[in-house]
PDB file of N, CA and C in Angstrom:
ATOM      1  N   MET A   1      96.886  83.622 170.458  1.00  0.00           N
ATOM      2  CA  MET A   1      97.581  82.620 171.232  1.00  0.00           C
ATOM      3  C   MET A   1      97.542  81.299 170.471  1.00  0.00           C
ATOM      4  N   VAL A   2      98.685  80.633 170.421  1.00  0.00           N
ATOM      5  CA  VAL A   2      98.809  79.345 169.746  1.00  0.00           C
ATOM      6  C   VAL A   2      99.136  78.301 170.811  1.00  0.00           C
ATOM      7  N   ARG A   3      98.397  77.199 170.792  1.00  0.00           N
ATOM      8  CA  ARG A   3      98.648  76.112 171.748  1.00  0.00           C
ATOM      9  C   ARG A   3      99.146  74.883 171.009  1.00  0.00           C
ATOM     10  N   ALA A   4      99.988  74.124 171.703  1.00  0.00           N
ATOM     11  CA  ALA A   4     100.509  72.889 171.127  1.00  0.00           C
ATOM     12  C   ALA A   4     100.771  71.887 172.242  1.00  0.00           C
ATOM     13  N   ILE A   5     100.820  70.631 171.840  1.00  0.00           N
ATOM     14  CA  ILE A   5     101.178  69.552 172.747  1.00  0.00           C
ATOM     15  C   ILE A   5     102.476  68.956 172.232  1.00  0.00           C
ATOM     16  N   ILE A   6     103.428  68.797 173.132  1.00  0.00           N
ATOM     17  CA  ILE A   6     104.694  68.175 172.765  1.00  0.00           C
ATOM     18  C   ILE A   6     104.830  66.887 173.570  1.00  0.00           C
ATOM     19  N   LEU A   7     104.937  65.770 172.861  1.00  0.00           N
ATOM     20  CA  LEU A   7     105.142  64.470 173.486  1.00  0.00           C
ATOM     21  C   LEU A   7     106.636  64.251 173.630  1.00  0.00           C
ATOM     22  N   VAL A   8     107.061  63.738 174.774  1.00  0.00           N
ATOM     23  CA  VAL A   8     108.488  63.614 175.066  1.00  0.00           C
ATOM     24  C   VAL A   8     108.832  62.173 175.426  1.00  0.00           C
ATOM     25  N   LYS A   9     109.854  61.647 174.764  1.00  0.00           N
ATOM     26  CA  LYS A   9     110.392  60.321 175.066  1.00  0.00           C
ATOM     27  C   LYS A   9     111.674  60.503 175.857  1.00  0.00           C
ATOM     28  N   SER A  10     111.688  59.967 177.095  1.00  0.00           N
ATOM     29  CA  SER A  10     112.874  60.098 177.944  1.00  0.00           C
ATOM     30  C   SER A  10     112.842  59.035 179.022  1.00  0.00           C
ATOM     31  N   PRO A  11     113.951  58.338 179.228  1.00  0.00           N
ATOM     32  CA  PRO A  11     113.987  57.348 180.302  1.00  0.00           C
ATOM     33  C   PRO A  11     114.112  57.970 181.695  1.00  0.00           C
ATOM     34  N   LYS A  12     114.336  59.268 181.761  1.00  0.00           N
ATOM     35  CA  LYS A  12     114.495  59.938 183.056  1.00  0.00           C
ATOM     36  C   LYS A  12     113.172  59.938 183.811  1.00  0.00           C
ATOM     37  N   LYS A  13     113.212  59.622 185.086  1.00  0.00           N
ATOM     38  CA  LYS A  13     112.001  59.497 185.897  1.00  0.00           C
ATOM     39  C   LYS A  13     111.263  60.820 186.093  1.00  0.00           C
ATOM     40  N   LEU A  14     111.976  61.896 186.289  1.00  0.00           N
ATOM     41  CA  LEU A  14     111.344  63.171 186.627  1.00  0.00           C
ATOM     42  C   LEU A  14     111.309  64.136 185.451  1.00  0.00           C
ATOM     43  N   ILE A  15     111.176  63.622 184.246  1.00  0.00           N
ATOM     44  CA  ILE A  15     111.217  64.490 183.066  1.00  0.00           C
ATOM     45  C   ILE A  15     110.070  65.498 183.069  1.00  0.00           C
ATOM     46  N   ALA A  16     108.883  65.125 183.538  1.00  0.00           N
ATOM     47  CA  ALA A  16     107.752  66.060 183.558  1.00  0.00           C
ATOM     48  C   ALA A  16     108.060  67.263 184.446  1.00  0.00           C
ATOM     49  N   ALA A  17     108.721  67.042 185.567  1.00  0.00           N
ATOM     50  CA  ALA A  17     109.101  68.148 186.452  1.00  0.00           C
ATOM     51  C   ALA A  17     110.125  69.051 185.786  1.00  0.00           C
ATOM     52  N   ARG A  18     111.049  68.478 185.037  1.00  0.00           N
ATOM     53  CA  ARG A  18     112.044  69.279 184.316  1.00  0.00           C
ATOM     54  C   ARG A  18     111.388  70.108 183.220  1.00  0.00           C
ATOM     55  N   LEU A  19     110.372  69.563 182.597  1.00  0.00           N
ATOM     56  CA  LEU A  19     109.685  70.288 181.530  1.00  0.00           C
ATOM     57  C   LEU A  19     109.015  71.554 182.059  1.00  0.00           C
ATOM     58  N   ARG A  20     108.501  71.499 183.285  1.00  0.00           N
ATOM     59  CA  ARG A  20     107.806  72.662 183.858  1.00  0.00           C
ATOM     60  C   ARG A  20     108.710  73.880 183.995  1.00  0.00           C
ATOM     61  N   LYS A  21     110.018  73.668 183.976  1.00  0.00           N
ATOM     62  CA  LYS A  21     110.970  74.777 184.107  1.00  0.00           C
ATOM     63  C   LYS A  21     111.163  75.539 182.796  1.00  0.00           C
ATOM     64  N   VAL A  22     110.697  74.990 181.687  1.00  0.00           N
ATOM     65  CA  VAL A  22     110.836  75.643 180.381  1.00  0.00           C
ATOM     66  C   VAL A  22     109.737  76.694 180.237  1.00  0.00           C
ATOM     67  N   SER A  23     110.132  77.896 179.834  1.00  0.00           N
ATOM     68  CA  SER A  23     109.131  78.947 179.658  1.00  0.00           C
ATOM     69  C   SER A  23     108.148  78.563 178.558  1.00  0.00           C
ATOM     70  N   SER A  24     106.944  79.018 178.661  1.00  0.00           N
ATOM     71  CA  SER A  24     105.841  78.773 177.729  1.00  0.00           C
ATOM     72  C   SER A  24     105.128  77.449 177.975  1.00  0.00           C
ATOM     73  N   ILE A  25     105.682  76.566 178.812  1.00  0.00           N
ATOM     74  CA  ILE A  25     104.982  75.327 179.133  1.00  0.00           C
ATOM     75  C   ILE A  25     104.008  75.626 180.268  1.00  0.00           C
ATOM     76  N   THR A  26     102.727  75.432 179.981  1.00  0.00           N
ATOM     77  CA  THR A  26     101.697  75.732 180.978  1.00  0.00           C
ATOM     78  C   THR A  26     101.364  74.530 181.837  1.00  0.00           C
ATOM     79  N   GLU A  27     101.637  73.332 181.322  1.00  0.00           N
ATOM     80  CA  GLU A  27     101.338  72.113 182.055  1.00  0.00           C
ATOM     81  C   GLU A  27     102.205  70.986 181.517  1.00  0.00           C
ATOM     82  N   SER A  28     102.622  70.091 182.399  1.00  0.00           N
ATOM     83  CA  SER A  28     103.322  68.885 181.958  1.00  0.00           C
ATOM     84  C   SER A  28     103.024  67.772 182.948  1.00  0.00           C
ATOM     85  N   PHE A  29     102.984  66.563 182.423  1.00  0.00           N
ATOM     86  CA  PHE A  29     102.687  65.420 183.284  1.00  0.00           C
ATOM     87  C   PHE A  29     103.242  64.150 182.652  1.00  0.00           C
ATOM     88  N   PRO A  30     103.575  63.159 183.507  1.00  0.00           N
ATOM     89  CA  PRO A  30     104.083  61.886 182.988  1.00  0.00           C
ATOM     90  C   PRO A  30     102.947  61.075 182.377  1.00  0.00           C
ATOM     91  N   THR A  31     103.291  60.214 181.427  1.00  0.00           N
ATOM     92  CA  THR A  31     102.309  59.360 180.775  1.00  0.00           C
ATOM     93  C   THR A  31     102.876  57.953 180.633  1.00  0.00           C
ATOM     94  N   SER A  32     101.988  57.016 180.365  1.00  0.00           N
ATOM     95  CA  SER A  32     102.433  55.661 180.048  1.00  0.00           C
ATOM     96  C   SER A  32     102.284  55.478 178.547  1.00  0.00           C
ATOM     97  N   GLY A  33     102.979  54.511 178.007  1.00  0.00           N
ATOM     98  CA  GLY A  33     102.884  54.258 176.575  1.00  0.00           C
ATOM     99  C   GLY A  33     104.162  54.616 175.853  1.00  0.00           C
ATOM    100  N   GLN A  34     104.022  54.952 174.586  1.00  0.00           N
ATOM    101  CA  GLN A  34     105.182  55.215 173.733  1.00  0.00           C
ATOM    102  C   GLN A  34     105.988  56.421 174.206  1.00  0.00           C
ATOM    103  N   PHE A  35     105.310  57.444 174.737  1.00  0.00           N
ATOM    104  CA  PHE A  35     105.986  58.648 175.226  1.00  0.00           C
ATOM    105  C   PHE A  35     105.902  58.682 176.744  1.00  0.00           C
ATOM    106  N   ASP A  36     106.860  59.354 177.366  1.00  0.00           N
ATOM    107  CA  ASP A  36     106.964  59.358 178.825  1.00  0.00           C
ATOM    108  C   ASP A  36     106.384  60.595 179.491  1.00  0.00           C
ATOM    109  N   ALA A  37     106.186  61.656 178.718  1.00  0.00           N
ATOM    110  CA  ALA A  37     105.633  62.888 179.284  1.00  0.00           C
ATOM    111  C   ALA A  37     104.961  63.706 178.194  1.00  0.00           C
ATOM    112  N   VAL A  38     104.061  64.574 178.644  1.00  0.00           N
ATOM    113  CA  VAL A  38     103.359  65.506 177.756  1.00  0.00           C
ATOM    114  C   VAL A  38     103.605  66.912 178.278  1.00  0.00           C
ATOM    115  N   ALA A  39     103.894  67.833 177.371  1.00  0.00           N
ATOM    116  CA  ALA A  39     104.014  69.246 177.708  1.00  0.00           C
ATOM    117  C   ALA A  39     103.000  70.021 176.879  1.00  0.00           C
ATOM    118  N   ILE A  40     102.220  70.853 177.549  1.00  0.00           N
ATOM    119  CA  ILE A  40     101.265  71.714 176.861  1.00  0.00           C
ATOM    120  C   ILE A  40     101.844  73.119 176.880  1.00  0.00           C
ATOM    121  N   ILE A  41     101.939  73.719 175.697  1.00  0.00           N
ATOM    122  CA  ILE A  41     102.546  75.049 175.612  1.00  0.00           C
ATOM    123  C   ILE A  41     101.579  76.050 175.003  1.00  0.00           C
ATOM    124  N   GLU A  42     101.792  77.299 175.373  1.00  0.00           N
ATOM    125  CA  GLU A  42     101.053  78.420 174.791  1.00  0.00           C
ATOM    126  C   GLU A  42     102.061  79.501 174.430  1.00  0.00           C
ATOM    127  N   VAL A  43     102.022  79.932 173.165  1.00  0.00           N
ATOM    128  CA  VAL A  43     102.926  80.969 172.677  1.00  0.00           C
ATOM    129  C   VAL A  43     102.132  81.978 171.848  1.00  0.00           C
ATOM    130  N   GLU A  44     102.750  83.092 171.578  1.00  0.00           N
ATOM    131  CA  GLU A  44     102.083  84.141 170.805  1.00  0.00           C
ATOM    132  C   GLU A  44     102.078  83.841 169.306  1.00  0.00           C
ATOM    133  N   GLN A  45     103.188  83.297 168.800  1.00  0.00           N
ATOM    134  CA  GLN A  45     103.318  83.063 167.365  1.00  0.00           C
ATOM    135  C   GLN A  45     103.716  81.621 167.092  1.00  0.00           C
ATOM    136  N   LEU A  46     103.287  81.112 165.959  1.00  0.00           N
ATOM    137  CA  LEU A  46     103.537  79.735 165.565  1.00  0.00           C
ATOM    138  C   LEU A  46     105.034  79.394 165.567  1.00  0.00           C
ATOM    139  N   ILE A  47     105.872  80.298 165.134  1.00  0.00           N
ATOM    140  CA  ILE A  47     107.314  80.053 165.052  1.00  0.00           C
ATOM    141  C   ILE A  47     107.920  79.763 166.421  1.00  0.00           C
ATOM    142  N   GLN A  48     107.306  80.259 167.482  1.00  0.00           N
ATOM    143  CA  GLN A  48     107.825  80.054 168.830  1.00  0.00           C
ATOM    144  C   GLN A  48     107.707  78.596 169.287  1.00  0.00           C
ATOM    145  N   ILE A  49     106.817  77.836 168.678  1.00  0.00           N
ATOM    146  CA  ILE A  49     106.675  76.427 169.040  1.00  0.00           C
ATOM    147  C   ILE A  49     107.981  75.689 168.778  1.00  0.00           C
ATOM    148  N   LYS A  50     108.613  75.979 167.668  1.00  0.00           N
ATOM    149  CA  LYS A  50     109.888  75.348 167.336  1.00  0.00           C
ATOM    150  C   LYS A  50     110.949  75.696 168.370  1.00  0.00           C
ATOM    151  N   GLU A  51     110.951  76.941 168.830  1.00  0.00           N
ATOM    152  CA  GLU A  51     111.925  77.365 169.831  1.00  0.00           C
ATOM    153  C   GLU A  51     111.747  76.593 171.134  1.00  0.00           C
ATOM    154  N   VAL A  52     110.498  76.415 171.556  1.00  0.00           N
ATOM    155  CA  VAL A  52     110.223  75.667 172.790  1.00  0.00           C
ATOM    156  C   VAL A  52     110.615  74.202 172.602  1.00  0.00           C
ATOM    157  N   ALA A  53     110.272  73.619 171.465  1.00  0.00           N
ATOM    158  CA  ALA A  53     110.644  72.226 171.187  1.00  0.00           C
ATOM    159  C   ALA A  53     112.162  72.059 171.219  1.00  0.00           C
ATOM    160  N   ASN A  54     112.887  73.012 170.697  1.00  0.00           N
ATOM    161  CA  ASN A  54     114.357  72.953 170.722  1.00  0.00           C
ATOM    162  C   ASN A  54     114.883  72.995 172.158  1.00  0.00           C
ATOM    163  N   GLN A  55     114.260  73.821 173.007  1.00  0.00           N
ATOM    164  CA  GLN A  55     114.661  73.884 174.416  1.00  0.00           C
ATOM    165  C   GLN A  55     114.435  72.535 175.100  1.00  0.00           C
ATOM    166  N   ILE A  56     113.298  71.909 174.813  1.00  0.00           N
ATOM    167  CA  ILE A  56     112.990  70.604 175.397  1.00  0.00           C
ATOM    168  C   ILE A  56     114.000  69.564 174.937  1.00  0.00           C
ATOM    169  N   GLN A  57     114.350  69.588 173.665  1.00  0.00           N
ATOM    170  CA  GLN A  57     115.279  68.600 173.129  1.00  0.00           C
ATOM    171  C   GLN A  57     116.682  68.729 173.724  1.00  0.00           C
ATOM    172  N   LYS A  58     117.003  69.887 174.276  1.00  0.00           N
ATOM    173  CA  LYS A  58     118.309  70.099 174.899  1.00  0.00           C
ATOM    174  C   LYS A  58     118.363  69.595 176.342  1.00  0.00           C
ATOM    175  N   ILE A  59     117.221  69.226 176.918  1.00  0.00           N
ATOM    176  CA  ILE A  59     117.202  68.720 178.288  1.00  0.00           C
ATOM    177  C   ILE A  59     117.889  67.355 178.315  1.00  0.00           C
ATOM    178  N   ASN A  60     118.766  67.182 179.276  1.00  0.00           N
ATOM    179  CA  ASN A  60     119.512  65.933 179.413  1.00  0.00           C
ATOM    180  C   ASN A  60     118.547  64.754 179.549  1.00  0.00           C
ATOM    181  N   GLY A  61     118.706  63.761 178.690  1.00  0.00           N
ATOM    182  CA  GLY A  61     117.890  62.564 178.752  1.00  0.00           C
ATOM    183  C   GLY A  61     116.739  62.514 177.764  1.00  0.00           C
ATOM    184  N   VAL A  62     116.409  63.627 177.135  1.00  0.00           N
ATOM    185  CA  VAL A  62     115.327  63.623 176.150  1.00  0.00           C
ATOM    186  C   VAL A  62     115.835  62.933 174.888  1.00  0.00           C
ATOM    187  N   GLU A  63     115.138  61.879 174.483  1.00  0.00           N
ATOM    188  CA  GLU A  63     115.547  61.120 173.304  1.00  0.00           C
ATOM    189  C   GLU A  63     114.881  61.653 172.038  1.00  0.00           C
ATOM    190  N   ARG A  64     113.601  61.998 172.135  1.00  0.00           N
ATOM    191  CA  ARG A  64     112.902  62.554 170.972  1.00  0.00           C
ATOM    192  C   ARG A  64     111.616  63.220 171.411  1.00  0.00           C
ATOM    193  N   THR A  65     111.080  64.060 170.526  1.00  0.00           N
ATOM    194  CA  THR A  65     109.809  64.734 170.786  1.00  0.00           C
ATOM    195  C   THR A  65     108.926  64.635 169.555  1.00  0.00           C
ATOM    196  N   GLU A  66     107.647  64.823 169.783  1.00  0.00           N
ATOM    197  CA  GLU A  66     106.690  64.925 168.687  1.00  0.00           C
ATOM    198  C   GLU A  66     105.731  66.047 169.043  1.00  0.00           C
ATOM    199  N   THR A  67     105.528  66.962 168.116  1.00  0.00           N
ATOM    200  CA  THR A  67     104.724  68.147 168.379  1.00  0.00           C
ATOM    201  C   THR A  67     103.417  68.115 167.592  1.00  0.00           C
ATOM    202  N   MET A  68     102.347  68.472 168.277  1.00  0.00           N
ATOM    203  CA  MET A  68     101.030  68.579 167.650  1.00  0.00           C
ATOM    204  C   MET A  68     100.471  69.964 167.960  1.00  0.00           C
ATOM    205  N   VAL A  69     100.147  70.726 166.923  1.00  0.00           N
ATOM    206  CA  VAL A  69      99.630  72.074 167.086  1.00  0.00           C
ATOM    207  C   VAL A  69      98.110  72.028 167.075  1.00  0.00           C
ATOM    208  N   GLU A  70      97.514  72.759 168.005  1.00  0.00           N
ATOM    209  CA  GLU A  70      96.063  72.827 168.080  1.00  0.00           C
ATOM    210  C   GLU A  70      95.519  73.535 166.828  1.00  0.00           C
ATOM    211  N   VAL A  71      94.499  72.956 166.217  1.00  0.00           N
ATOM    212  CA  VAL A  71      93.874  73.525 165.034  1.00  0.00           C
ATOM    213  C   VAL A  71      92.510  74.074 165.450  1.00  0.00           C
ATOM    214  N   GLN A  72      92.280  75.314 165.086  1.00  0.00           N
ATOM    215  CA  GLN A  72      90.994  75.937 165.441  1.00  0.00           C
ATOM    216  C   GLN A  72      90.220  76.292 164.219  1.00  0.00           C
TER     217      GLN A  72
END
């Protein structure tokens, strides 16, 4: 299992709730600061992280994302 955190920049108020609808996202919540929400994902293979990030970037209102992969 591979885990990653994806930071999301979006002016939309309910972006964290929209993120929860994306498969592989186990948790999401709004944040203050440079990014507006955090999505925590779990996938089987490293390549799947890119697929999830692409799905997030297609959500209406998402301006940009930044992905951090858990290192073990």
